[in-house]
């Protein structure tokens, strides 16, 4: 059973940084591709980054490349999203998710099986 809990969201000024964490209380964390998504009210949820099972490969949405870094620690059952140079348009609810699909398909939103409850990130101008 996968149970994901996000933390680390909050209010930050433009140009600032936040690190989101997502911890899994289950026993099979390393068997899942992990992704981070975000969603604004009235908009579709979009994937922003994904990391392979080993943590050796990552993929990013163009809008966050060079600013966000996704990593995982399988010993701690935790995935991290380091967000730097934050912009007001990064304001959203951020969700982590776990997928049993192949990493090649990890940037497809419909490939994820388990979701966290979300954490709010607000970037003020």
PDB file of N, CA and C in Angstrom:
ATOM      1  N   UNK A   1       0.841  -1.185   0.000  1.00  0.00           N
ATOM      2  CA  UNK A   1       0.000   0.000   0.000  1.00  0.00           C
ATOM      3  C   UNK A   1       0.880   1.239   0.000  1.00  0.00           C
ATOM      4  N   UNK A   2       0.573   2.166  -0.881  1.00  0.00           N
ATOM      5  CA  UNK A   2       1.323   3.414  -0.983  1.00  0.00           C
ATOM      6  C   UNK A   2       0.510   4.523  -0.347  1.00  0.00           C
ATOM      7  N   UNK A   3       1.097   5.206   0.588  1.00  0.00           N
ATOM      8  CA  UNK A   3       0.464   6.366   1.213  1.00  0.00           C
ATOM      9  C   UNK A   3       1.454   7.517   1.175  1.00  0.00           C
ATOM     10  N   UNK A   4       1.098   8.539   0.440  1.00  0.00           N
ATOM     11  CA  UNK A   4       2.003   9.658   0.189  1.00  0.00           C
ATOM     12  C   UNK A   4       1.552  10.884   0.974  1.00  0.00           C
ATOM     13  N   UNK A   5       2.520  11.507   1.629  1.00  0.00           N
ATOM     14  CA  UNK A   5       2.233  12.713   2.400  1.00  0.00           C
ATOM     15  C   UNK A   5       3.239  13.788   2.015  1.00  0.00           C
ATOM     16  N   UNK A   6       2.740  14.899   1.469  1.00  0.00           N
ATOM     17  CA  UNK A   6       3.608  16.010   1.090  1.00  0.00           C
ATOM     18  C   UNK A   6       3.781  16.986   2.248  1.00  0.00           C
ATOM     19  N   UNK A   7       4.892  17.682   2.225  1.00  0.00           N
ATOM     20  CA  UNK A   7       5.149  18.744   3.190  1.00  0.00           C
ATOM     21  C   UNK A   7       6.109  19.746   2.568  1.00  0.00           C
ATOM     22  N   UNK A   8       6.220  20.905   3.199  1.00  0.00           N
ATOM     23  CA  UNK A   8       7.197  21.893   2.755  1.00  0.00           C
ATOM     24  C   UNK A   8       6.636  23.068   2.000  1.00  0.00           C
ATOM     25  N   UNK A   9       5.349  23.056   1.731  1.00  0.00           N
ATOM     26  CA  UNK A   9       4.771  24.192   1.030  1.00  0.00           C
ATOM     27  C   UNK A   9       4.698  25.413   1.932  1.00  0.00           C
ATOM     28  N   UNK A  10       4.346  26.539   1.338  1.00  0.00           N
ATOM     29  CA  UNK A  10       4.231  27.755   2.118  1.00  0.00           C
ATOM     30  C   UNK A  10       4.237  28.981   1.243  1.00  0.00           C
ATOM     31  N   UNK A  11       4.467  30.116   1.884  1.00  0.00           N
ATOM     32  CA  UNK A  11       4.489  31.416   1.206  1.00  0.00           C
ATOM     33  C   UNK A  11       5.934  31.883   1.082  1.00  0.00           C
ATOM     34  N   UNK A  12       6.304  32.290  -0.116  1.00  0.00           N
ATOM     35  CA  UNK A  12       7.671  32.747  -0.364  1.00  0.00           C
ATOM     36  C   UNK A  12       7.625  33.906  -1.355  1.00  0.00           C
ATOM     37  N   UNK A  13       8.590  34.784  -1.262  1.00  0.00           N
ATOM     38  CA  UNK A  13       8.669  35.891  -2.214  1.00  0.00           C
ATOM     39  C   UNK A  13       9.269  35.413  -3.526  1.00  0.00           C
ATOM     40  N   UNK A  14       8.927  36.119  -4.586  1.00  0.00           N
ATOM     41  CA  UNK A  14       9.493  35.808  -5.893  1.00  0.00           C
ATOM     42  C   UNK A  14      11.024  35.826  -5.810  1.00  0.00           C
ATOM     43  N   UNK A  15      11.633  34.826  -6.443  1.00  0.00           N
ATOM     44  CA  UNK A  15      13.075  34.683  -6.389  1.00  0.00           C
ATOM     45  C   UNK A  15      13.554  33.778  -5.277  1.00  0.00           C
ATOM     46  N   UNK A  16      12.655  33.445  -4.371  1.00  0.00           N
ATOM     47  CA  UNK A  16      13.004  32.604  -3.246  1.00  0.00           C
ATOM     48  C   UNK A  16      12.970  31.122  -3.572  1.00  0.00           C
ATOM     49  N   UNK A  17      13.156  30.309  -2.535  1.00  0.00           N
ATOM     50  CA  UNK A  17      13.233  28.863  -2.693  1.00  0.00           C
ATOM     51  C   UNK A  17      12.361  28.146  -1.675  1.00  0.00           C
ATOM     52  N   UNK A  18      11.926  26.967  -2.062  1.00  0.00           N
ATOM     53  CA  UNK A  18      11.232  26.049  -1.167  1.00  0.00           C
ATOM     54  C   UNK A  18      11.664  24.642  -1.522  1.00  0.00           C
ATOM     55  N   UNK A  19      11.630  23.758  -0.536  1.00  0.00           N
ATOM     56  CA  UNK A  19      11.854  22.349  -0.808  1.00  0.00           C
ATOM     57  C   UNK A  19      10.638  21.566  -0.334  1.00  0.00           C
ATOM     58  N   UNK A  20      10.019  20.901  -1.273  1.00  0.00           N
ATOM     59  CA  UNK A  20       8.889  20.030  -0.956  1.00  0.00           C
ATOM     60  C   UNK A  20       9.398  18.614  -0.721  1.00  0.00           C
ATOM     61  N   UNK A  21       8.754  17.943   0.209  1.00  0.00           N
ATOM     62  CA  UNK A  21       9.055  16.545   0.484  1.00  0.00           C
ATOM     63  C   UNK A  21       7.794  15.719   0.331  1.00  0.00           C
ATOM     64  N   UNK A  22       7.981  14.478  -0.033  1.00  0.00           N
ATOM     65  CA  UNK A  22       6.855  13.550  -0.144  1.00  0.00           C
ATOM     66  C   UNK A  22       7.320  12.213   0.411  1.00  0.00           C
ATOM     67  N   UNK A  23       6.716  11.808   1.503  1.00  0.00           N
ATOM     68  CA  UNK A  23       7.115  10.574   2.169  1.00  0.00           C
ATOM     69  C   UNK A  23       6.056   9.495   1.970  1.00  0.00           C
ATOM     70  N   UNK A  24       6.536   8.294   1.769  1.00  0.00           N
ATOM     71  CA  UNK A  24       5.657   7.141   1.583  1.00  0.00           C
ATOM     72  C   UNK A  24       5.809   6.212   2.781  1.00  0.00           C
ATOM     73  N   UNK A  25       4.686   5.867   3.391  1.00  0.00           N
ATOM     74  CA  UNK A  25       4.730   4.994   4.560  1.00  0.00           C
ATOM     75  C   UNK A  25       4.692   3.520   4.190  1.00  0.00           C
ATOM     76  N   UNK A  26       4.610   3.227   2.893  1.00  0.00           N
ATOM     77  CA  UNK A  26       4.554   1.847   2.458  1.00  0.00           C
ATOM     78  C   UNK A  26       5.919   1.188   2.390  1.00  0.00           C
ATOM     79  N   UNK A  27       5.958  -0.022   1.850  1.00  0.00           N
ATOM     80  CA  UNK A  27       7.186  -0.804   1.833  1.00  0.00           C
ATOM     81  C   UNK A  27       7.757  -1.000   0.443  1.00  0.00           C
ATOM     82  N   UNK A  28       7.121  -0.404  -0.560  1.00  0.00           N
ATOM     83  CA  UNK A  28       7.545  -0.660  -1.927  1.00  0.00           C
ATOM     84  C   UNK A  28       7.876   0.616  -2.679  1.00  0.00           C
ATOM     85  N   UNK A  29       8.298   1.625  -1.941  1.00  0.00           N
ATOM     86  CA  UNK A  29       8.553   2.940  -2.528  1.00  0.00           C
ATOM     87  C   UNK A  29       9.479   2.864  -3.726  1.00  0.00           C
ATOM     88  N   UNK A  30      10.545   2.096  -3.618  1.00  0.00           N
ATOM     89  CA  UNK A  30      11.550   2.064  -4.685  1.00  0.00           C
ATOM     90  C   UNK A  30      11.060   1.384  -5.954  1.00  0.00           C
ATOM     91  N   UNK A  31       9.915   0.769  -5.909  1.00  0.00           N
ATOM     92  CA  UNK A  31       9.381   0.111  -7.096  1.00  0.00           C
ATOM     93  C   UNK A  31       8.525   1.033  -7.946  1.00  0.00           C
ATOM     94  N   UNK A  32       8.392   2.280  -7.521  1.00  0.00           N
ATOM     95  CA  UNK A  32       7.537   3.233  -8.230  1.00  0.00           C
ATOM     96  C   UNK A  32       8.347   4.376  -8.826  1.00  0.00           C
ATOM     97  N   UNK A  33       7.979   4.747 -10.029  1.00  0.00           N
ATOM     98  CA  UNK A  33       8.367   6.043 -10.570  1.00  0.00           C
ATOM     99  C   UNK A  33       7.606   7.100  -9.783  1.00  0.00           C
ATOM    100  N   UNK A  34       8.266   8.179  -9.469  1.00  0.00           N
ATOM    101  CA  UNK A  34       7.626   9.243  -8.693  1.00  0.00           C
ATOM    102  C   UNK A  34       7.558  10.522  -9.515  1.00  0.00           C
ATOM    103  N   UNK A  35       6.455  11.216  -9.343  1.00  0.00           N
ATOM    104  CA  UNK A  35       6.276  12.470 -10.068  1.00  0.00           C
ATOM    105  C   UNK A  35       5.722  13.551  -9.173  1.00  0.00           C
ATOM    106  N   UNK A  36       5.941  14.797  -9.581  1.00  0.00           N
ATOM    107  CA  UNK A  36       5.323  15.946  -8.929  1.00  0.00           C
ATOM    108  C   UNK A  36       4.427  16.648  -9.948  1.00  0.00           C
ATOM    109  N   UNK A  37       3.269  17.013  -9.480  1.00  0.00           N
ATOM    110  CA  UNK A  37       2.292  17.708 -10.293  1.00  0.00           C
ATOM    111  C   UNK A  37       1.925  19.014  -9.596  1.00  0.00           C
ATOM    112  N   UNK A  38       1.271  19.888 -10.330  1.00  0.00           N
ATOM    113  CA  UNK A  38       0.689  21.070  -9.712  1.00  0.00           C
ATOM    114  C   UNK A  38      -0.629  21.390 -10.398  1.00  0.00           C
ATOM    115  N   UNK A  39      -1.469  22.081  -9.650  1.00  0.00           N
ATOM    116  CA  UNK A  39      -2.797  22.399 -10.168  1.00  0.00           C
ATOM    117  C   UNK A  39      -3.296  23.701  -9.568  1.00  0.00           C
ATOM    118  N   UNK A  40      -3.751  24.581 -10.434  1.00  0.00           N
ATOM    119  CA  UNK A  40      -4.385  25.822 -10.012  1.00  0.00           C
ATOM    120  C   UNK A  40      -5.890  25.642 -10.102  1.00  0.00           C
ATOM    121  N   UNK A  41      -6.649  26.414  -9.330  1.00  0.00           N
ATOM    122  CA  UNK A  41      -8.113  26.306  -9.375  1.00  0.00           C
ATOM    123  C   UNK A  41      -8.647  26.483 -10.797  1.00  0.00           C
ATOM    124  N   UNK A  42      -9.492  25.563 -11.207  1.00  0.00           N
ATOM    125  CA  UNK A  42     -10.103  25.650 -12.516  1.00  0.00           C
ATOM    126  C   UNK A  42      -9.232  25.196 -13.664  1.00  0.00           C
ATOM    127  N   UNK A  43      -8.035  24.724 -13.348  1.00  0.00           N
ATOM    128  CA  UNK A  43      -7.136  24.280 -14.400  1.00  0.00           C
ATOM    129  C   UNK A  43      -6.830  22.799 -14.241  1.00  0.00           C
ATOM    130  N   UNK A  44      -6.353  22.197 -15.320  1.00  0.00           N
ATOM    131  CA  UNK A  44      -5.977  20.795 -15.263  1.00  0.00           C
ATOM    132  C   UNK A  44      -4.680  20.617 -14.478  1.00  0.00           C
ATOM    133  N   UNK A  45      -4.575  19.462 -13.848  1.00  0.00           N
ATOM    134  CA  UNK A  45      -3.345  19.133 -13.148  1.00  0.00           C
ATOM    135  C   UNK A  45      -2.255  18.865 -14.180  1.00  0.00           C
ATOM    136  N   UNK A  46      -1.082  19.448 -13.970  1.00  0.00           N
ATOM    137  CA  UNK A  46       0.011  19.250 -14.921  1.00  0.00           C
ATOM    138  C   UNK A  46       1.216  18.663 -14.212  1.00  0.00           C
ATOM    139  N   UNK A  47       1.892  17.774 -14.914  1.00  0.00           N
ATOM    140  CA  UNK A  47       3.098  17.184 -14.344  1.00  0.00           C
ATOM    141  C   UNK A  47       4.252  18.141 -14.570  1.00  0.00           C
ATOM    142  N   UNK A  48       5.110  18.253 -13.570  1.00  0.00           N
ATOM    143  CA  UNK A  48       6.245  19.149 -13.691  1.00  0.00           C
ATOM    144  C   UNK A  48       7.575  18.413 -13.658  1.00  0.00           C
ATOM    145  N   UNK A  49       7.610  17.237 -13.042  1.00  0.00           N
ATOM    146  CA  UNK A  49       8.868  16.502 -12.984  1.00  0.00           C
ATOM    147  C   UNK A  49       8.607  15.055 -12.604  1.00  0.00           C
ATOM    148  N   UNK A  50       9.515  14.182 -13.026  1.00  0.00           N
ATOM    149  CA  UNK A  50       9.435  12.774 -12.672  1.00  0.00           C
ATOM    150  C   UNK A  50      10.840  12.234 -12.449  1.00  0.00           C
ATOM    151  N   UNK A  51      10.916  11.207 -11.599  1.00  0.00           N
ATOM    152  CA  UNK A  51      12.207  10.586 -11.303  1.00  0.00           C
ATOM    153  C   UNK A  51      12.045   9.076 -11.405  1.00  0.00           C
ATOM    154  N   UNK A  52      13.070   8.439 -11.939  1.00  0.00           N
ATOM    155  CA  UNK A  52      13.037   6.995 -12.115  1.00  0.00           C
ATOM    156  C   UNK A  52      13.125   6.267 -10.777  1.00  0.00           C
ATOM    157  N   UNK A  53      12.931   4.983 -10.811  1.00  0.00           N
ATOM    158  CA  UNK A  53      12.907   4.183  -9.587  1.00  0.00           C
ATOM    159  C   UNK A  53      14.216   4.267  -8.805  1.00  0.00           C
ATOM    160  N   UNK A  54      15.308   4.281  -9.508  1.00  0.00           N
ATOM    161  CA  UNK A  54      16.610   4.346  -8.848  1.00  0.00           C
ATOM    162  C   UNK A  54      17.006   5.767  -8.474  1.00  0.00           C
ATOM    163  N   UNK A  55      16.361   6.737  -9.086  1.00  0.00           N
ATOM    164  CA  UNK A  55      16.738   8.138  -8.890  1.00  0.00           C
ATOM    165  C   UNK A  55      17.785   8.607  -9.871  1.00  0.00           C
ATOM    166  N   UNK A  56      18.217   7.730 -10.763  1.00  0.00           N
ATOM    167  CA  UNK A  56      19.276   8.074 -11.689  1.00  0.00           C
ATOM    168  C   UNK A  56      18.848   8.910 -12.873  1.00  0.00           C
ATOM    169  N   UNK A  57      17.556   8.946 -13.131  1.00  0.00           N
ATOM    170  CA  UNK A  57      17.052   9.715 -14.270  1.00  0.00           C
ATOM    171  C   UNK A  57      15.907  10.604 -13.830  1.00  0.00           C
ATOM    172  N   UNK A  58      15.903  11.810 -14.396  1.00  0.00           N
ATOM    173  CA  UNK A  58      14.827  12.751 -14.106  1.00  0.00           C
ATOM    174  C   UNK A  58      14.347  13.401 -15.396  1.00  0.00           C
ATOM    175  N   UNK A  59      13.135  13.885 -15.346  1.00  0.00           N
ATOM    176  CA  UNK A  59      12.558  14.637 -16.463  1.00  0.00           C
ATOM    177  C   UNK A  59      11.817  15.839 -15.882  1.00  0.00           C
ATOM    178  N   UNK A  60      11.816  16.929 -16.655  1.00  0.00           N
ATOM    179  CA  UNK A  60      11.193  18.162 -16.181  1.00  0.00           C
ATOM    180  C   UNK A  60      10.352  18.805 -17.271  1.00  0.00           C
ATOM    181  N   UNK A  61       9.316  19.469 -16.822  1.00  0.00           N
ATOM    182  CA  UNK A  61       8.552  20.328 -17.721  1.00  0.00           C
ATOM    183  C   UNK A  61       9.427  21.517 -18.090  1.00  0.00           C
ATOM    184  N   UNK A  62       9.300  22.004 -19.307  1.00  0.00           N
ATOM    185  CA  UNK A  62      10.168  23.084 -19.777  1.00  0.00           C
ATOM    186  C   UNK A  62      10.130  24.304 -18.867  1.00  0.00           C
ATOM    187  N   UNK A  63       8.972  24.612 -18.332  1.00  0.00           N
ATOM    188  CA  UNK A  63       8.825  25.833 -17.543  1.00  0.00           C
ATOM    189  C   UNK A  63       9.588  25.811 -16.223  1.00  0.00           C
ATOM    190  N   UNK A  64      10.027  24.627 -15.792  1.00  0.00           N
ATOM    191  CA  UNK A  64      10.749  24.544 -14.516  1.00  0.00           C
ATOM    192  C   UNK A  64      12.191  24.089 -14.681  1.00  0.00           C
ATOM    193  N   UNK A  65      12.587  23.749 -15.892  1.00  0.00           N
ATOM    194  CA  UNK A  65      13.965  23.306 -16.125  1.00  0.00           C
ATOM    195  C   UNK A  65      14.958  24.373 -15.693  1.00  0.00           C
ATOM    196  N   UNK A  66      15.994  23.943 -14.988  1.00  0.00           N
ATOM    197  CA  UNK A  66      17.004  24.865 -14.507  1.00  0.00           C
ATOM    198  C   UNK A  66      16.647  25.537 -13.190  1.00  0.00           C
ATOM    199  N   UNK A  67      15.399  25.423 -12.764  1.00  0.00           N
ATOM    200  CA  UNK A  67      14.975  26.036 -11.494  1.00  0.00           C
ATOM    201  C   UNK A  67      14.595  24.981 -10.451  1.00  0.00           C
ATOM    202  N   UNK A  68      13.997  23.889 -10.887  1.00  0.00           N
ATOM    203  CA  UNK A  68      13.535  22.844  -9.977  1.00  0.00           C
ATOM    204  C   UNK A  68      14.441  21.622 -10.119  1.00  0.00           C
ATOM    205  N   UNK A  69      14.666  20.949  -8.995  1.00  0.00           N
ATOM    206  CA  UNK A  69      15.452  19.713  -8.990  1.00  0.00           C
ATOM    207  C   UNK A  69      14.707  18.651  -8.205  1.00  0.00           C
ATOM    208  N   UNK A  70      14.500  17.523  -8.846  1.00  0.00           N
ATOM    209  CA  UNK A  70      13.787  16.410  -8.231  1.00  0.00           C
ATOM    210  C   UNK A  70      14.785  15.332  -7.863  1.00  0.00           C
ATOM    211  N   UNK A  71      14.672  14.813  -6.651  1.00  0.00           N
ATOM    212  CA  UNK A  71      15.541  13.738  -6.206  1.00  0.00           C
ATOM    213  C   UNK A  71      14.759  12.812  -5.297  1.00  0.00           C
ATOM    214  N   UNK A  72      15.326  11.648  -5.041  1.00  0.00           N
ATOM    215  CA  UNK A  72      14.672  10.704  -4.143  1.00  0.00           C
ATOM    216  C   UNK A  72      15.703  10.007  -3.284  1.00  0.00           C
ATOM    217  N   UNK A  73      15.260   9.607  -2.113  1.00  0.00           N
ATOM    218  CA  UNK A  73      16.079   8.821  -1.189  1.00  0.00           C
ATOM    219  C   UNK A  73      15.279   7.573  -0.870  1.00  0.00           C
ATOM    220  N   UNK A  74      15.607   6.482  -1.532  1.00  0.00           N
ATOM    221  CA  UNK A  74      14.829   5.255  -1.342  1.00  0.00           C
ATOM    222  C   UNK A  74      14.998   4.677   0.060  1.00  0.00           C
ATOM    223  N   UNK A  75      16.098   4.966   0.712  1.00  0.00           N
ATOM    224  CA  UNK A  75      16.302   4.485   2.086  1.00  0.00           C
ATOM    225  C   UNK A  75      15.341   5.173   3.050  1.00  0.00           C
ATOM    226  N   UNK A  76      14.922   6.392   2.689  1.00  0.00           N
ATOM    227  CA  UNK A  76      13.999   7.152   3.532  1.00  0.00           C
ATOM    228  C   UNK A  76      12.584   7.180   2.969  1.00  0.00           C
ATOM    229  N   UNK A  77      12.372   6.480   1.862  1.00  0.00           N
ATOM    230  CA  UNK A  77      11.037   6.465   1.224  1.00  0.00           C
ATOM    231  C   UNK A  77      10.532   7.880   0.957  1.00  0.00           C
ATOM    232  N   UNK A  78      11.412   8.720   0.481  1.00  0.00           N
ATOM    233  CA  UNK A  78      11.056  10.131   0.325  1.00  0.00           C
ATOM    234  C   UNK A  78      11.570  10.671  -1.007  1.00  0.00           C
ATOM    235  N   UNK A  79      10.759  11.516  -1.606  1.00  0.00           N
ATOM    236  CA  UNK A  79      11.143  12.229  -2.814  1.00  0.00           C
ATOM    237  C   UNK A  79      11.105  13.726  -2.503  1.00  0.00           C
ATOM    238  N   UNK A  80      12.047  14.457  -3.080  1.00  0.00           N
ATOM    239  CA  UNK A  80      12.195  15.876  -2.791  1.00  0.00           C
ATOM    240  C   UNK A  80      12.089  16.688  -4.072  1.00  0.00           C
ATOM    241  N   UNK A  81      11.464  17.846  -3.957  1.00  0.00           N
ATOM    242  CA  UNK A  81      11.436  18.786  -5.067  1.00  0.00           C
ATOM    243  C   UNK A  81      12.005  20.109  -4.576  1.00  0.00           C
ATOM    244  N   UNK A  82      13.233  20.398  -4.985  1.00  0.00           N
ATOM    245  CA  UNK A  82      13.870  21.660  -4.645  1.00  0.00           C
ATOM    246  C   UNK A  82      13.470  22.693  -5.685  1.00  0.00           C
ATOM    247  N   UNK A  83      12.863  23.769  -5.234  1.00  0.00           N
ATOM    248  CA  UNK A  83      12.361  24.791  -6.141  1.00  0.00           C
ATOM    249  C   UNK A  83      13.087  26.104  -5.868  1.00  0.00           C
ATOM    250  N   UNK A  84      13.843  26.560  -6.839  1.00  0.00           N
ATOM    251  CA  UNK A  84      14.597  27.812  -6.731  1.00  0.00           C
ATOM    252  C   UNK A  84      14.059  28.832  -7.729  1.00  0.00           C
ATOM    253  N   UNK A  85      14.441  30.075  -7.518  1.00  0.00           N
ATOM    254  CA  UNK A  85      14.037  31.163  -8.419  1.00  0.00           C
ATOM    255  C   UNK A  85      12.535  31.128  -8.678  1.00  0.00           C
ATOM    256  N   UNK A  86      11.789  31.013  -7.622  1.00  0.00           N
ATOM    257  CA  UNK A  86      10.343  30.872  -7.753  1.00  0.00           C
ATOM    258  C   UNK A  86       9.714  32.135  -8.318  1.00  0.00           C
ATOM    259  N   UNK A  87       8.668  31.927  -9.099  1.00  0.00           N
ATOM    260  CA  UNK A  87       7.936  33.005  -9.752  1.00  0.00           C
ATOM    261  C   UNK A  87       6.483  32.985  -9.293  1.00  0.00           C
ATOM    262  N   UNK A  88       5.798  34.118  -9.376  1.00  0.00           N
ATOM    263  CA  UNK A  88       4.378  34.124  -8.988  1.00  0.00           C
ATOM    264  C   UNK A  88       3.556  33.081  -9.752  1.00  0.00           C
ATOM    265  N   UNK A  89       3.918  32.807 -10.981  1.00  0.00           N
ATOM    266  CA  UNK A  89       3.169  31.816 -11.752  1.00  0.00           C
ATOM    267  C   UNK A  89       3.419  30.386 -11.299  1.00  0.00           C
ATOM    268  N   UNK A  90       4.321  30.186 -10.356  1.00  0.00           N
ATOM    269  CA  UNK A  90       4.509  28.861  -9.757  1.00  0.00           C
ATOM    270  C   UNK A  90       3.505  28.609  -8.633  1.00  0.00           C
ATOM    271  N   UNK A  91       2.705  29.598  -8.301  1.00  0.00           N
ATOM    272  CA  UNK A  91       1.695  29.441  -7.260  1.00  0.00           C
ATOM    273  C   UNK A  91       0.671  28.405  -7.667  1.00  0.00           C
ATOM    274  N   UNK A  92       0.552  27.349  -6.864  1.00  0.00           N
ATOM    275  CA  UNK A  92      -0.345  26.233  -7.159  1.00  0.00           C
ATOM    276  C   UNK A  92      -0.408  25.326  -5.930  1.00  0.00           C
ATOM    277  N   UNK A  93      -1.279  24.347  -6.010  1.00  0.00           N
ATOM    278  CA  UNK A  93      -1.208  23.220  -5.091  1.00  0.00           C
ATOM    279  C   UNK A  93      -0.336  22.160  -5.758  1.00  0.00           C
ATOM    280  N   UNK A  94       0.648  21.672  -5.013  1.00  0.00           N
ATOM    281  CA  UNK A  94       1.597  20.692  -5.548  1.00  0.00           C
ATOM    282  C   UNK A  94       1.299  19.312  -4.970  1.00  0.00           C
ATOM    283  N   UNK A  95       1.310  18.320  -5.849  1.00  0.00           N
ATOM    284  CA  UNK A  95       1.003  16.952  -5.477  1.00  0.00           C
ATOM    285  C   UNK A  95       2.156  16.034  -5.891  1.00  0.00           C
ATOM    286  N   UNK A  96       2.457  15.069  -5.050  1.00  0.00           N
ATOM    287  CA  UNK A  96       3.339  14.007  -5.501  1.00  0.00           C
ATOM    288  C   UNK A  96       2.487  12.786  -5.829  1.00  0.00           C
ATOM    289  N   UNK A  97       3.027  11.932  -6.667  1.00  0.00           N
ATOM    290  CA  UNK A  97       2.295  10.768  -7.113  1.00  0.00           C
ATOM    291  C   UNK A  97       3.261   9.643  -7.441  1.00  0.00           C
ATOM    292  N   UNK A  98       2.742   8.425  -7.357  1.00  0.00           N
ATOM    293  CA  UNK A  98       3.540   7.231  -7.627  1.00  0.00           C
ATOM    294  C   UNK A  98       2.942   6.479  -8.806  1.00  0.00           C
ATOM    295  N   UNK A  99       3.834   5.982  -9.647  1.00  0.00           N
ATOM    296  CA  UNK A  99       3.397   5.278 -10.849  1.00  0.00           C
ATOM    297  C   UNK A  99       4.122   3.962 -10.990  1.00  0.00           C
ATOM    298  N   UNK A 100       3.381   2.946 -11.438  1.00  0.00           N
ATOM    299  CA  UNK A 100       3.975   1.647 -11.712  1.00  0.00           C
ATOM    300  C   UNK A 100       4.347   1.503 -13.189  1.00  0.00           C
ATOM    301  N   UNK A 101       4.183   2.582 -13.950  1.00  0.00           N
ATOM    302  CA  UNK A 101       4.464   2.503 -15.374  1.00  0.00           C
ATOM    303  C   UNK A 101       5.958   2.607 -15.640  1.00  0.00           C
ATOM    304  N   UNK A 102       6.327   2.431 -16.888  1.00  0.00           N
ATOM    305  CA  UNK A 102       7.711   2.604 -17.263  1.00  0.00           C
ATOM    306  C   UNK A 102       8.105   4.077 -17.214  1.00  0.00           C
ATOM    307  N   UNK A 103       9.350   4.356 -16.898  1.00  0.00           N
ATOM    308  CA  UNK A 103       9.811   5.735 -16.789  1.00  0.00           C
ATOM    309  C   UNK A 103       9.648   6.479 -18.106  1.00  0.00           C
ATOM    310  N   UNK A 104       9.679   5.771 -19.212  1.00  0.00           N
ATOM    311  CA  UNK A 104       9.511   6.417 -20.518  1.00  0.00           C
ATOM    312  C   UNK A 104       8.168   7.121 -20.635  1.00  0.00           C
ATOM    313  N   UNK A 105       7.189   6.693 -19.868  1.00  0.00           N
ATOM    314  CA  UNK A 105       5.853   7.281 -19.913  1.00  0.00           C
ATOM    315  C   UNK A 105       5.569   8.162 -18.703  1.00  0.00           C
ATOM    316  N   UNK A 106       6.604   8.512 -17.964  1.00  0.00           N
ATOM    317  CA  UNK A 106       6.406   9.164 -16.668  1.00  0.00           C
ATOM    318  C   UNK A 106       5.897  10.595 -16.751  1.00  0.00           C
ATOM    319  N   UNK A 107       5.972  11.229 -17.912  1.00  0.00           N
ATOM    320  CA  UNK A 107       5.493  12.604 -18.022  1.00  0.00           C
ATOM    321  C   UNK A 107       4.034  12.661 -18.487  1.00  0.00           C
ATOM    322  N   UNK A 108       3.378  11.512 -18.471  1.00  0.00           N
ATOM    323  CA  UNK A 108       1.949  11.453 -18.786  1.00  0.00           C
ATOM    324  C   UNK A 108       1.164  11.417 -17.485  1.00  0.00           C
ATOM    325  N   UNK A 109       0.275  12.367 -17.309  1.00  0.00           N
ATOM    326  CA  UNK A 109      -0.450  12.496 -16.041  1.00  0.00           C
ATOM    327  C   UNK A 109      -1.333  11.291 -15.742  1.00  0.00           C
ATOM    328  N   UNK A 110      -1.832  10.626 -16.779  1.00  0.00           N
ATOM    329  CA  UNK A 110      -2.772   9.532 -16.541  1.00  0.00           C
ATOM    330  C   UNK A 110      -2.083   8.225 -16.190  1.00  0.00           C
ATOM    331  N   UNK A 111      -0.775   8.235 -16.005  1.00  0.00           N
ATOM    332  CA  UNK A 111      -0.074   6.995 -15.681  1.00  0.00           C
ATOM    333  C   UNK A 111       0.202   6.793 -14.205  1.00  0.00           C
ATOM    334  N   UNK A 112      -0.358   7.651 -13.357  1.00  0.00           N
ATOM    335  CA  UNK A 112      -0.053   7.592 -11.937  1.00  0.00           C
ATOM    336  C   UNK A 112      -1.169   6.946 -11.144  1.00  0.00           C
ATOM    337  N   UNK A 113      -0.762   6.107 -10.177  1.00  0.00           N
ATOM    338  CA  UNK A 113      -1.707   5.267  -9.460  1.00  0.00           C
ATOM    339  C   UNK A 113      -2.072   5.798  -8.074  1.00  0.00           C
ATOM    340  N   UNK A 114      -1.134   6.454  -7.418  1.00  0.00           N
ATOM    341  CA  UNK A 114      -1.339   6.913  -6.045  1.00  0.00           C
ATOM    342  C   UNK A 114      -0.961   8.384  -5.945  1.00  0.00           C
ATOM    343  N   UNK A 115      -1.711   9.103  -5.110  1.00  0.00           N
ATOM    344  CA  UNK A 115      -1.547  10.548  -4.984  1.00  0.00           C
ATOM    345  C   UNK A 115      -1.488  10.975  -3.529  1.00  0.00           C
ATOM    346  N   UNK A 116      -0.716  12.028  -3.287  1.00  0.00           N
ATOM    347  CA  UNK A 116      -0.754  12.656  -1.988  1.00  0.00           C
ATOM    348  C   UNK A 116      -1.903  13.642  -1.913  1.00  0.00           C
ATOM    349  N   UNK A 117      -2.021  14.310  -0.769  1.00  0.00           N
ATOM    350  CA  UNK A 117      -3.152  15.204  -0.536  1.00  0.00           C
ATOM    351  C   UNK A 117      -2.889  16.613  -1.048  1.00  0.00           C
ATOM    352  N   UNK A 118      -1.651  16.921  -1.369  1.00  0.00           N
ATOM    353  CA  UNK A 118      -1.296  18.226  -1.911  1.00  0.00           C
ATOM    354  C   UNK A 118      -0.779  19.180  -0.856  1.00  0.00           C
ATOM    355  N   UNK A 119       0.059  20.103  -1.291  1.00  0.00           N
ATOM    356  CA  UNK A 119       0.578  21.146  -0.415  1.00  0.00           C
ATOM    357  C   UNK A 119       0.591  22.456  -1.199  1.00  0.00           C
ATOM    358  N   UNK A 120       0.151  23.525  -0.552  1.00  0.00           N
ATOM    359  CA  UNK A 120       0.011  24.807  -1.234  1.00  0.00           C
ATOM    360  C   UNK A 120       1.346  25.529  -1.296  1.00  0.00           C
ATOM    361  N   UNK A 121       1.676  26.018  -2.481  1.00  0.00           N
ATOM    362  CA  UNK A 121       2.841  26.879  -2.671  1.00  0.00           C
ATOM    363  C   UNK A 121       2.333  28.215  -3.194  1.00  0.00           C
ATOM    364  N   UNK A 122       2.675  29.281  -2.495  1.00  0.00           N
ATOM    365  CA  UNK A 122       2.264  30.615  -2.902  1.00  0.00           C
ATOM    366  C   UNK A 122       3.500  31.492  -3.037  1.00  0.00           C
ATOM    367  N   UNK A 123       3.662  32.087  -4.215  1.00  0.00           N
ATOM    368  CA  UNK A 123       4.810  32.947  -4.481  1.00  0.00           C
ATOM    369  C   UNK A 123       4.292  34.360  -4.682  1.00  0.00           C
ATOM    370  N   UNK A 124       4.717  35.250  -3.809  1.00  0.00           N
ATOM    371  CA  UNK A 124       4.267  36.641  -3.893  1.00  0.00           C
ATOM    372  C   UNK A 124       5.232  37.454  -4.744  1.00  0.00           C
ATOM    373  N   UNK A 125       4.670  38.446  -5.410  1.00  0.00           N
ATOM    374  CA  UNK A 125       5.487  39.291  -6.295  1.00  0.00           C
ATOM    375  C   UNK A 125       6.064  40.485  -5.557  1.00  0.00           C
TER     376      UNK A 125
END
